[in-house]
Amino acid sequence: LTSYRGTPLSPTATQAGAAIAAAIAQPRQGLPLPADCSGQD
């Protein structure tokens, strides 16, 4: 997470940003396709 230049993030935003960054760093396998999406395949 980020904000305006020079604007410090709150502790909660900092913690949330760190969790999001960790998630971005992890690869993601292809998602299972629900039956309702099969016609779009």
PDB file of all heavy atoms in Angstrom:
ATOM      1  N   LEU A   1       0.841  -1.187   0.000  1.00  0.00           N
ATOM      2  CA  LEU A   1       0.000   0.000   0.000  1.00  0.00           C
ATOM      3  C   LEU A   1       0.878   1.238   0.000  1.00  0.00           C
ATOM      4  O   LEU A   1       1.965   1.246   0.581  1.00  0.00           O
ATOM      5  CB  LEU A   1      -0.910   0.030   1.239  1.00  0.00           C
ATOM      6  CG  LEU A   1      -2.077  -0.947   1.283  1.00  0.00           C
ATOM      7  CD1 LEU A   1      -2.724  -0.924   2.661  1.00  0.00           C
ATOM      8  CD2 LEU A   1      -3.114  -0.640   0.199  1.00  0.00           C
ATOM      9  N   THR A   2       0.396   2.291  -0.640  1.00  0.00           N
ATOM     10  CA  THR A   2       1.134   3.548  -0.656  1.00  0.00           C
ATOM     11  C   THR A   2       0.151   4.703  -0.615  1.00  0.00           C
ATOM     12  O   THR A   2      -1.057   4.516  -0.737  1.00  0.00           O
ATOM     13  CB  THR A   2       2.051   3.641  -1.899  1.00  0.00           C
ATOM     14  OG1 THR A   2       2.928   4.759  -1.770  1.00  0.00           O
ATOM     15  CG2 THR A   2       1.234   3.761  -3.176  1.00  0.00           C
ATOM     16  N   SER A   3       0.691   5.924  -0.464  1.00  0.00           N
ATOM     17  CA  SER A   3      -0.134   7.117  -0.417  1.00  0.00           C
ATOM     18  C   SER A   3       0.646   8.262  -1.039  1.00  0.00           C
ATOM     19  O   SER A   3       1.626   8.050  -1.770  1.00  0.00           O
ATOM     20  CB  SER A   3      -0.542   7.434   1.025  1.00  0.00           C
ATOM     21  OG  SER A   3      -1.474   8.497   1.067  1.00  0.00           O
ATOM     22  N   TYR A   4       0.238   9.496  -0.750  1.00  0.00           N
ATOM     23  CA  TYR A   4       0.935  10.666  -1.280  1.00  0.00           C
ATOM     24  C   TYR A   4       2.393  10.688  -0.821  1.00  0.00           C
ATOM     25  O   TYR A   4       2.736  10.169   0.244  1.00  0.00           O
ATOM     26  CB  TYR A   4       0.252  11.947  -0.800  1.00  0.00           C
ATOM     27  CG  TYR A   4      -1.147  12.159  -1.317  1.00  0.00           C
ATOM     28  CD1 TYR A   4      -2.206  12.360  -0.434  1.00  0.00           C
ATOM     29  CD2 TYR A   4      -1.417  12.190  -2.685  1.00  0.00           C
ATOM     30  CE1 TYR A   4      -3.495  12.588  -0.893  1.00  0.00           C
ATOM     31  CE2 TYR A   4      -2.697  12.408  -3.152  1.00  0.00           C
ATOM     32  CZ  TYR A   4      -3.733  12.603  -2.262  1.00  0.00           C
ATOM     33  OH  TYR A   4      -5.010  12.827  -2.714  1.00  0.00           O
ATOM     34  N   ARG A   5       3.233  11.315  -1.621  1.00  0.00           N
ATOM     35  CA  ARG A   5       4.635  11.475  -1.256  1.00  0.00           C
ATOM     36  C   ARG A   5       4.748  12.192   0.086  1.00  0.00           C
ATOM     37  O   ARG A   5       4.096  13.204   0.324  1.00  0.00           O
ATOM     38  CB  ARG A   5       5.370  12.307  -2.314  1.00  0.00           C
ATOM     39  CG  ARG A   5       5.559  11.594  -3.648  1.00  0.00           C
ATOM     40  CD  ARG A   5       6.397  12.447  -4.589  1.00  0.00           C
ATOM     41  NE  ARG A   5       6.630  11.775  -5.861  1.00  0.00           N
ATOM     42  CZ  ARG A   5       7.457  12.228  -6.800  1.00  0.00           C
ATOM     43  NH1 ARG A   5       8.122  13.356  -6.595  1.00  0.00           N
ATOM     44  NH2 ARG A   5       7.606  11.567  -7.929  1.00  0.00           N
ATOM     45  N   GLY A   6       5.565  11.645   0.944  1.00  0.00           N
ATOM     46  CA  GLY A   6       5.792  12.272   2.237  1.00  0.00           C
ATOM     47  C   GLY A   6       4.730  11.990   3.272  1.00  0.00           C
ATOM     48  O   GLY A   6       4.828  12.487   4.391  1.00  0.00           O
ATOM     49  N   THR A   7       3.723  11.204   2.918  1.00  0.00           N
ATOM     50  CA  THR A   7       2.662  10.879   3.866  1.00  0.00           C
ATOM     51  C   THR A   7       2.956   9.524   4.511  1.00  0.00           C
ATOM     52  O   THR A   7       2.925   8.492   3.826  1.00  0.00           O
ATOM     53  CB  THR A   7       1.292  10.825   3.174  1.00  0.00           C
ATOM     54  OG1 THR A   7       1.017  12.090   2.582  1.00  0.00           O
ATOM     55  CG2 THR A   7       0.197  10.475   4.167  1.00  0.00           C
ATOM     56  N   PRO A   8       3.257   9.484   5.786  1.00  0.00           N
ATOM     57  CA  PRO A   8       3.536   8.199   6.436  1.00  0.00           C
ATOM     58  C   PRO A   8       2.254   7.380   6.578  1.00  0.00           C
ATOM     59  O   PRO A   8       1.171   7.918   6.787  1.00  0.00           O
ATOM     60  CB  PRO A   8       4.087   8.601   7.807  1.00  0.00           C
ATOM     61  CG  PRO A   8       3.491   9.951   8.059  1.00  0.00           C
ATOM     62  CD  PRO A   8       3.371  10.625   6.724  1.00  0.00           C
ATOM     63  N   LEU A   9       2.390   6.072   6.437  1.00  0.00           N
ATOM     64  CA  LEU A   9       1.242   5.188   6.593  1.00  0.00           C
ATOM     65  C   LEU A   9       0.994   4.920   8.077  1.00  0.00           C
ATOM     66  O   LEU A   9       1.930   4.861   8.880  1.00  0.00           O
ATOM     67  CB  LEU A   9       1.482   3.865   5.876  1.00  0.00           C
ATOM     68  CG  LEU A   9       1.747   3.913   4.368  1.00  0.00           C
ATOM     69  CD1 LEU A   9       1.715   2.498   3.795  1.00  0.00           C
ATOM     70  CD2 LEU A   9       0.763   4.802   3.638  1.00  0.00           C
ATOM     71  N   SER A  10      -0.257   4.741   8.421  1.00  0.00           N
ATOM     72  CA  SER A  10      -0.604   4.387   9.791  1.00  0.00           C
ATOM     73  C   SER A  10      -0.092   2.983  10.087  1.00  0.00           C
ATOM     74  O   SER A  10       0.210   2.205   9.163  1.00  0.00           O
ATOM     75  CB  SER A  10      -2.118   4.427   9.970  1.00  0.00           C
ATOM     76  OG  SER A  10      -2.735   3.389   9.212  1.00  0.00           O
ATOM     77  N   PRO A  11       0.024   2.606  11.362  1.00  0.00           N
ATOM     78  CA  PRO A  11       0.479   1.254  11.677  1.00  0.00           C
ATOM     79  C   PRO A  11      -0.378   0.166  11.023  1.00  0.00           C
ATOM     80  O   PRO A  11       0.151  -0.834  10.537  1.00  0.00           O
ATOM     81  CB  PRO A  11       0.385   1.204  13.203  1.00  0.00           C
ATOM     82  CG  PRO A  11       0.560   2.630  13.631  1.00  0.00           C
ATOM     83  CD  PRO A  11      -0.117   3.446  12.574  1.00  0.00           C
ATOM     84  N   THR A  12      -1.690   0.371  10.999  1.00  0.00           N
ATOM     85  CA  THR A  12      -2.557  -0.633  10.384  1.00  0.00           C
ATOM     86  C   THR A  12      -2.308  -0.712   8.884  1.00  0.00           C
ATOM     87  O   THR A  12      -2.229  -1.804   8.311  1.00  0.00           O
ATOM     88  CB  THR A  12      -4.032  -0.300  10.647  1.00  0.00           C
ATOM     89  OG1 THR A  12      -4.256  -0.282  12.063  1.00  0.00           O
ATOM     90  CG2 THR A  12      -4.951  -1.329  10.011  1.00  0.00           C
ATOM     91  N   ALA A  13      -2.178   0.441   8.208  1.00  0.00           N
ATOM     92  CA  ALA A  13      -1.909   0.446   6.773  1.00  0.00           C
ATOM     93  C   ALA A  13      -0.547  -0.178   6.478  1.00  0.00           C
ATOM     94  O   ALA A  13      -0.375  -0.896   5.484  1.00  0.00           O
ATOM     95  CB  ALA A  13      -1.976   1.860   6.228  1.00  0.00           C
ATOM     96  N   THR A  14       0.419   0.084   7.340  1.00  0.00           N
ATOM     97  CA  THR A  14       1.752  -0.507   7.167  1.00  0.00           C
ATOM     98  C   THR A  14       1.684  -2.026   7.267  1.00  0.00           C
ATOM     99  O   THR A  14       2.281  -2.757   6.462  1.00  0.00           O
ATOM    100  CB  THR A  14       2.719   0.051   8.213  1.00  0.00           C
ATOM    101  OG1 THR A  14       2.822   1.473   8.047  1.00  0.00           O
ATOM    102  CG2 THR A  14       4.095  -0.580   8.083  1.00  0.00           C
ATOM    103  N   GLN A  15       0.950  -2.508   8.257  1.00  0.00           N
ATOM    104  CA  GLN A  15       0.825  -3.950   8.446  1.00  0.00           C
ATOM    105  C   GLN A  15       0.062  -4.573   7.283  1.00  0.00           C
ATOM    106  O   GLN A  15       0.436  -5.644   6.775  1.00  0.00           O
ATOM    107  CB  GLN A  15       0.112  -4.225   9.766  1.00  0.00           C
ATOM    108  CG  GLN A  15       0.175  -5.688  10.208  1.00  0.00           C
ATOM    109  CD  GLN A  15      -0.439  -5.898  11.576  1.00  0.00           C
ATOM    110  OE1 GLN A  15      -1.042  -4.987  12.140  1.00  0.00           O
ATOM    111  NE2 GLN A  15      -0.308  -7.101  12.121  1.00  0.00           N
ATOM    112  N   ALA A  16      -0.999  -3.909   6.848  1.00  0.00           N
ATOM    113  CA  ALA A  16      -1.757  -4.421   5.708  1.00  0.00           C
ATOM    114  C   ALA A  16      -0.899  -4.439   4.454  1.00  0.00           C
ATOM    115  O   ALA A  16      -0.909  -5.402   3.680  1.00  0.00           O
ATOM    116  CB  ALA A  16      -3.002  -3.567   5.478  1.00  0.00           C
ATOM    117  N   GLY A  17      -0.128  -3.370   4.248  1.00  0.00           N
ATOM    118  CA  GLY A  17       0.746  -3.312   3.080  1.00  0.00           C
ATOM    119  C   GLY A  17       1.779  -4.416   3.067  1.00  0.00           C
ATOM    120  O   GLY A  17       2.076  -4.997   2.019  1.00  0.00           O
ATOM    121  N   ALA A  18       2.330  -4.725   4.223  1.00  0.00           N
ATOM    122  CA  ALA A  18       3.309  -5.801   4.304  1.00  0.00           C
ATOM    123  C   ALA A  18       2.678  -7.145   3.958  1.00  0.00           C
ATOM    124  O   ALA A  18       3.281  -7.976   3.264  1.00  0.00           O
ATOM    125  CB  ALA A  18       3.920  -5.842   5.709  1.00  0.00           C
ATOM    126  N   ALA A  19       1.446  -7.376   4.432  1.00  0.00           N
ATOM    127  CA  ALA A  19       0.753  -8.628   4.113  1.00  0.00           C
ATOM    128  C   ALA A  19       0.449  -8.714   2.631  1.00  0.00           C
ATOM    129  O   ALA A  19       0.574  -9.779   2.011  1.00  0.00           O
ATOM    130  CB  ALA A  19      -0.528  -8.731   4.938  1.00  0.00           C
ATOM    131  N   ILE A  20       0.053  -7.599   2.029  1.00  0.00           N
ATOM    132  CA  ILE A  20      -0.228  -7.585   0.589  1.00  0.00           C
ATOM    133  C   ILE A  20       1.051  -7.829  -0.199  1.00  0.00           C
ATOM    134  O   ILE A  20       1.068  -8.606  -1.167  1.00  0.00           O
ATOM    135  CB  ILE A  20      -0.876  -6.245   0.198  1.00  0.00           C
ATOM    136  CG1 ILE A  20      -2.264  -6.120   0.822  1.00  0.00           C
ATOM    137  CG2 ILE A  20      -0.986  -6.122  -1.319  1.00  0.00           C
ATOM    138  CD1 ILE A  20      -2.863  -4.739   0.730  1.00  0.00           C
ATOM    139  N   ALA A  21       2.141  -7.179   0.185  1.00  0.00           N
ATOM    140  CA  ALA A  21       3.419  -7.385  -0.505  1.00  0.00           C
ATOM    141  C   ALA A  21       3.852  -8.842  -0.434  1.00  0.00           C
ATOM    142  O   ALA A  21       4.373  -9.398  -1.417  1.00  0.00           O
ATOM    143  CB  ALA A  21       4.490  -6.477   0.101  1.00  0.00           C
ATOM    144  N   ALA A  22       3.653  -9.467   0.725  1.00  0.00           N
ATOM    145  CA  ALA A  22       4.004 -10.893   0.862  1.00  0.00           C
ATOM    146  C   ALA A  22       3.155 -11.750  -0.060  1.00  0.00           C
ATOM    147  O   ALA A  22       3.649 -12.730  -0.645  1.00  0.00           O
ATOM    148  CB  ALA A  22       3.829 -11.315   2.319  1.00  0.00           C
ATOM    149  N   ALA A  23       1.890 -11.402  -0.201  1.00  0.00           N
ATOM    150  CA  ALA A  23       1.014 -12.160  -1.097  1.00  0.00           C
ATOM    151  C   ALA A  23       1.431 -11.984  -2.549  1.00  0.00           C
ATOM    152  O   ALA A  23       1.440 -12.951  -3.333  1.00  0.00           O
ATOM    153  CB  ALA A  23      -0.435 -11.719  -0.903  1.00  0.00           C
ATOM    154  N   ILE A  24       1.806 -10.760  -2.931  1.00  0.00           N
ATOM    155  CA  ILE A  24       2.261 -10.512  -4.300  1.00  0.00           C
ATOM    156  C   ILE A  24       3.506 -11.327  -4.617  1.00  0.00           C
ATOM    157  O   ILE A  24       3.671 -11.835  -5.729  1.00  0.00           O
ATOM    158  CB  ILE A  24       2.546  -9.003  -4.500  1.00  0.00           C
ATOM    159  CG1 ILE A  24       1.252  -8.201  -4.382  1.00  0.00           C
ATOM    160  CG2 ILE A  24       3.206  -8.738  -5.847  1.00  0.00           C
ATOM    161  CD1 ILE A  24       1.466  -6.693  -4.303  1.00  0.00           C
ATOM    162  N   ALA A  25       4.362 -11.480  -3.646  1.00  0.00           N
ATOM    163  CA  ALA A  25       5.626 -12.196  -3.858  1.00  0.00           C
ATOM    164  C   ALA A  25       5.428 -13.683  -4.116  1.00  0.00           C
ATOM    165  O   ALA A  25       6.302 -14.344  -4.686  1.00  0.00           O
ATOM    166  CB  ALA A  25       6.535 -11.999  -2.647  1.00  0.00           C
ATOM    167  N   GLN A  26       4.286 -14.235  -3.708  1.00  0.00           N
ATOM    168  CA  GLN A  26       4.021 -15.656  -3.883  1.00  0.00           C
ATOM    169  C   GLN A  26       3.401 -15.934  -5.258  1.00  0.00           C
ATOM    170  O   GLN A  26       2.542 -15.186  -5.704  1.00  0.00           O
ATOM    171  CB  GLN A  26       3.067 -16.154  -2.796  1.00  0.00           C
ATOM    172  CG  GLN A  26       3.630 -16.068  -1.402  1.00  0.00           C
ATOM    173  CD  GLN A  26       4.885 -16.903  -1.234  1.00  0.00           C
ATOM    174  OE1 GLN A  26       4.918 -18.066  -1.640  1.00  0.00           O
ATOM    175  NE2 GLN A  26       5.917 -16.312  -0.646  1.00  0.00           N
ATOM    176  N   PRO A  27       3.822 -16.989  -5.942  1.00  0.00           N
ATOM    177  CA  PRO A  27       3.186 -17.328  -7.221  1.00  0.00           C
ATOM    178  C   PRO A  27       1.762 -17.816  -7.002  1.00  0.00           C
ATOM    179  O   PRO A  27       1.393 -18.232  -5.901  1.00  0.00           O
ATOM    180  CB  PRO A  27       4.071 -18.451  -7.769  1.00  0.00           C
ATOM    181  CG  PRO A  27       4.676 -19.076  -6.549  1.00  0.00           C
ATOM    182  CD  PRO A  27       4.876 -17.948  -5.568  1.00  0.00           C
ATOM    183  N   ARG A  28       0.965 -17.740  -8.051  1.00  0.00           N
ATOM    184  CA  ARG A  28      -0.414 -18.223  -7.962  1.00  0.00           C
ATOM    185  C   ARG A  28      -0.664 -19.189  -9.103  1.00  0.00           C
ATOM    186  O   ARG A  28      -0.443 -18.868 -10.271  1.00  0.00           O
ATOM    187  CB  ARG A  28      -1.413 -17.059  -8.042  1.00  0.00           C
ATOM    188  CG  ARG A  28      -2.865 -17.518  -7.893  1.00  0.00           C
ATOM    189  CD  ARG A  28      -3.848 -16.389  -8.166  1.00  0.00           C
ATOM    190  NE  ARG A  28      -3.747 -15.926  -9.531  1.00  0.00           N
ATOM    191  CZ  ARG A  28      -3.667 -14.653  -9.894  1.00  0.00           C
ATOM    192  NH1 ARG A  28      -3.648 -13.718  -8.978  1.00  0.00           N
ATOM    193  NH2 ARG A  28      -3.582 -14.316 -11.163  1.00  0.00           N
ATOM    194  N   GLN A  29      -1.119 -20.378  -8.745  1.00  0.00           N
ATOM    195  CA  GLN A  29      -1.506 -21.345  -9.767  1.00  0.00           C
ATOM    196  C   GLN A  29      -2.807 -20.908 -10.418  1.00  0.00           C
ATOM    197  O   GLN A  29      -3.528 -20.067  -9.914  1.00  0.00           O
ATOM    198  CB  GLN A  29      -1.675 -22.726  -9.143  1.00  0.00           C
ATOM    199  CG  GLN A  29      -0.406 -23.317  -8.569  1.00  0.00           C
ATOM    200  CD  GLN A  29      -0.634 -24.697  -7.980  1.00  0.00           C
ATOM    201  OE1 GLN A  29      -1.768 -25.114  -7.812  1.00  0.00           O
ATOM    202  NE2 GLN A  29       0.452 -25.378  -7.671  1.00  0.00           N
ATOM    203  N   GLY A  30      -3.093 -21.502 -11.573  1.00  0.00           N
ATOM    204  CA  GLY A  30      -4.353 -21.223 -12.230  1.00  0.00           C
ATOM    205  C   GLY A  30      -5.520 -21.585 -11.335  1.00  0.00           C
ATOM    206  O   GLY A  30      -5.474 -22.559 -10.582  1.00  0.00           O
ATOM    207  N   LEU A  31      -6.585 -20.776 -11.380  1.00  0.00           N
ATOM    208  CA  LEU A  31      -7.736 -20.981 -10.518  1.00  0.00           C
ATOM    209  C   LEU A  31      -8.659 -22.061 -11.083  1.00  0.00           C
ATOM    210  O   LEU A  31      -8.832 -22.166 -12.301  1.00  0.00           O
ATOM    211  CB  LEU A  31      -8.518 -19.677 -10.365  1.00  0.00           C
ATOM    212  CG  LEU A  31      -7.713 -18.485  -9.840  1.00  0.00           C
ATOM    213  CD1 LEU A  31      -8.586 -17.234  -9.827  1.00  0.00           C
ATOM    214  CD2 LEU A  31      -7.164 -18.773  -8.450  1.00  0.00           C
ATOM    215  N   PRO A  32      -9.264 -22.861 -10.223  1.00  0.00           N
ATOM    216  CA  PRO A  32     -10.257 -23.832 -10.690  1.00  0.00           C
ATOM    217  C   PRO A  32     -11.412 -23.105 -11.372  1.00  0.00           C
ATOM    218  O   PRO A  32     -11.829 -22.031 -10.930  1.00  0.00           O
ATOM    219  CB  PRO A  32     -10.713 -24.530  -9.404  1.00  0.00           C
ATOM    220  CG  PRO A  32      -9.636 -24.252  -8.399  1.00  0.00           C
ATOM    221  CD  PRO A  32      -9.069 -22.921  -8.752  1.00  0.00           C
ATOM    222  N   LEU A  33     -11.934 -23.679 -12.427  1.00  0.00           N
ATOM    223  CA  LEU A  33     -13.000 -23.038 -13.190  1.00  0.00           C
ATOM    224  C   LEU A  33     -14.356 -23.530 -12.709  1.00  0.00           C
ATOM    225  O   LEU A  33     -14.685 -24.703 -12.833  1.00  0.00           O
ATOM    226  CB  LEU A  33     -12.842 -23.353 -14.676  1.00  0.00           C
ATOM    227  CG  LEU A  33     -13.690 -22.497 -15.618  1.00  0.00           C
ATOM    228  CD1 LEU A  33     -13.194 -21.055 -15.619  1.00  0.00           C
ATOM    229  CD2 LEU A  33     -13.657 -23.067 -17.034  1.00  0.00           C
ATOM    230  N   PRO A  34     -15.168 -22.625 -12.124  1.00  0.00           N
ATOM    231  CA  PRO A  34     -16.510 -23.042 -11.712  1.00  0.00           C
ATOM    232  C   PRO A  34     -17.332 -23.508 -12.915  1.00  0.00           C
ATOM    233  O   PRO A  34     -17.100 -23.086 -14.047  1.00  0.00           O
ATOM    234  CB  PRO A  34     -17.102 -21.757 -11.111  1.00  0.00           C
ATOM    235  CG  PRO A  34     -15.936 -20.899 -10.786  1.00  0.00           C
ATOM    236  CD  PRO A  34     -14.899 -21.221 -11.814  1.00  0.00           C
ATOM    237  N   ALA A  35     -18.302 -24.361 -12.649  1.00  0.00           N
ATOM    238  CA  ALA A  35     -19.136 -24.882 -13.736  1.00  0.00           C
ATOM    239  C   ALA A  35     -19.825 -23.758 -14.496  1.00  0.00           C
ATOM    240  O   ALA A  35     -20.004 -23.838 -15.719  1.00  0.00           O
ATOM    241  CB  ALA A  35     -20.176 -25.846 -13.158  1.00  0.00           C
ATOM    242  N   ASP A  36     -20.201 -22.686 -13.795  1.00  0.00           N
ATOM    243  CA  ASP A  36     -20.890 -21.588 -14.456  1.00  0.00           C
ATOM    244  C   ASP A  36     -20.003 -20.827 -15.435  1.00  0.00           C
ATOM    245  O   ASP A  36     -20.507 -20.009 -16.214  1.00  0.00           O
ATOM    246  CB  ASP A  36     -21.438 -20.615 -13.411  1.00  0.00           C
ATOM    247  CG  ASP A  36     -22.656 -21.177 -12.684  1.00  0.00           C
ATOM    248  OD1 ASP A  36     -23.129 -22.254 -13.082  1.00  0.00           O
ATOM    249  OD2 ASP A  36     -23.117 -20.541 -11.722  1.00  0.00           O
ATOM    250  N   CYS A  37     -18.711 -21.067 -15.384  1.00  0.00           N
ATOM    251  CA  CYS A  37     -17.795 -20.392 -16.304  1.00  0.00           C
ATOM    252  C   CYS A  37     -17.422 -21.262 -17.506  1.00  0.00           C
ATOM    253  O   CYS A  37     -16.720 -20.791 -18.408  1.00  0.00           O
ATOM    254  CB  CYS A  37     -16.515 -19.987 -15.576  1.00  0.00           C
ATOM    255  SG  CYS A  37     -16.724 -18.738 -14.284  1.00  0.00           S
ATOM    256  N   SER A  38     -17.854 -22.508 -17.515  1.00  0.00           N
ATOM    257  CA  SER A  38     -17.400 -23.430 -18.560  1.00  0.00           C
ATOM    258  C   SER A  38     -17.810 -22.985 -19.956  1.00  0.00           C
ATOM    259  O   SER A  38     -17.080 -23.197 -20.928  1.00  0.00           O
ATOM    260  CB  SER A  38     -17.924 -24.839 -18.285  1.00  0.00           C
ATOM    261  OG  SER A  38     -19.342 -24.852 -18.269  1.00  0.00           O
ATOM    262  N   GLY A  39     -18.963 -22.355 -20.072  1.00  0.00           N
ATOM    263  CA  GLY A  39     -19.406 -21.896 -21.378  1.00  0.00           C
ATOM    264  C   GLY A  39     -18.573 -20.774 -21.950  1.00  0.00           C
ATOM    265  O   GLY A  39     -18.649 -20.481 -23.150  1.00  0.00           O
ATOM    266  N   GLN A  40     -17.771 -20.124 -21.101  1.00  0.00           N
ATOM    267  CA  GLN A  40     -16.903 -19.026 -21.547  1.00  0.00           C
ATOM    268  C   GLN A  40     -15.530 -19.518 -21.982  1.00  0.00           C
ATOM    269  O   GLN A  40     -14.704 -18.727 -22.442  1.00  0.00           O
ATOM    270  CB  GLN A  40     -16.729 -18.021 -20.398  1.00  0.00           C
ATOM    271  CG  GLN A  40     -17.999 -17.351 -19.940  1.00  0.00           C
ATOM    272  CD  GLN A  40     -18.395 -16.199 -20.851  1.00  0.00           C
ATOM    273  OE1 GLN A  40     -17.744 -15.926 -21.854  1.00  0.00           O
ATOM    274  NE2 GLN A  40     -19.472 -15.532 -20.513  1.00  0.00           N
ATOM    275  N   ASP A  41     -15.284 -20.816 -21.848  1.00  0.00           N
ATOM    276  CA  ASP A  41     -13.951 -21.378 -22.073  1.00  0.00           C
ATOM    277  C   ASP A  41     -13.699 -21.592 -23.563  1.00  0.00           C
ATOM    278  O   ASP A  41     -13.718 -22.722 -24.060  1.00  0.00           O
ATOM    279  CB  ASP A  41     -13.820 -22.685 -21.292  1.00  0.00           C
ATOM    280  CG  ASP A  41     -12.377 -23.154 -21.173  1.00  0.00           C
ATOM    281  OD1 ASP A  41     -11.476 -22.420 -21.604  1.00  0.00           O
ATOM    282  OD2 ASP A  41     -12.165 -24.265 -20.638  1.00  0.00           O
TER     283      ASP A  41
END
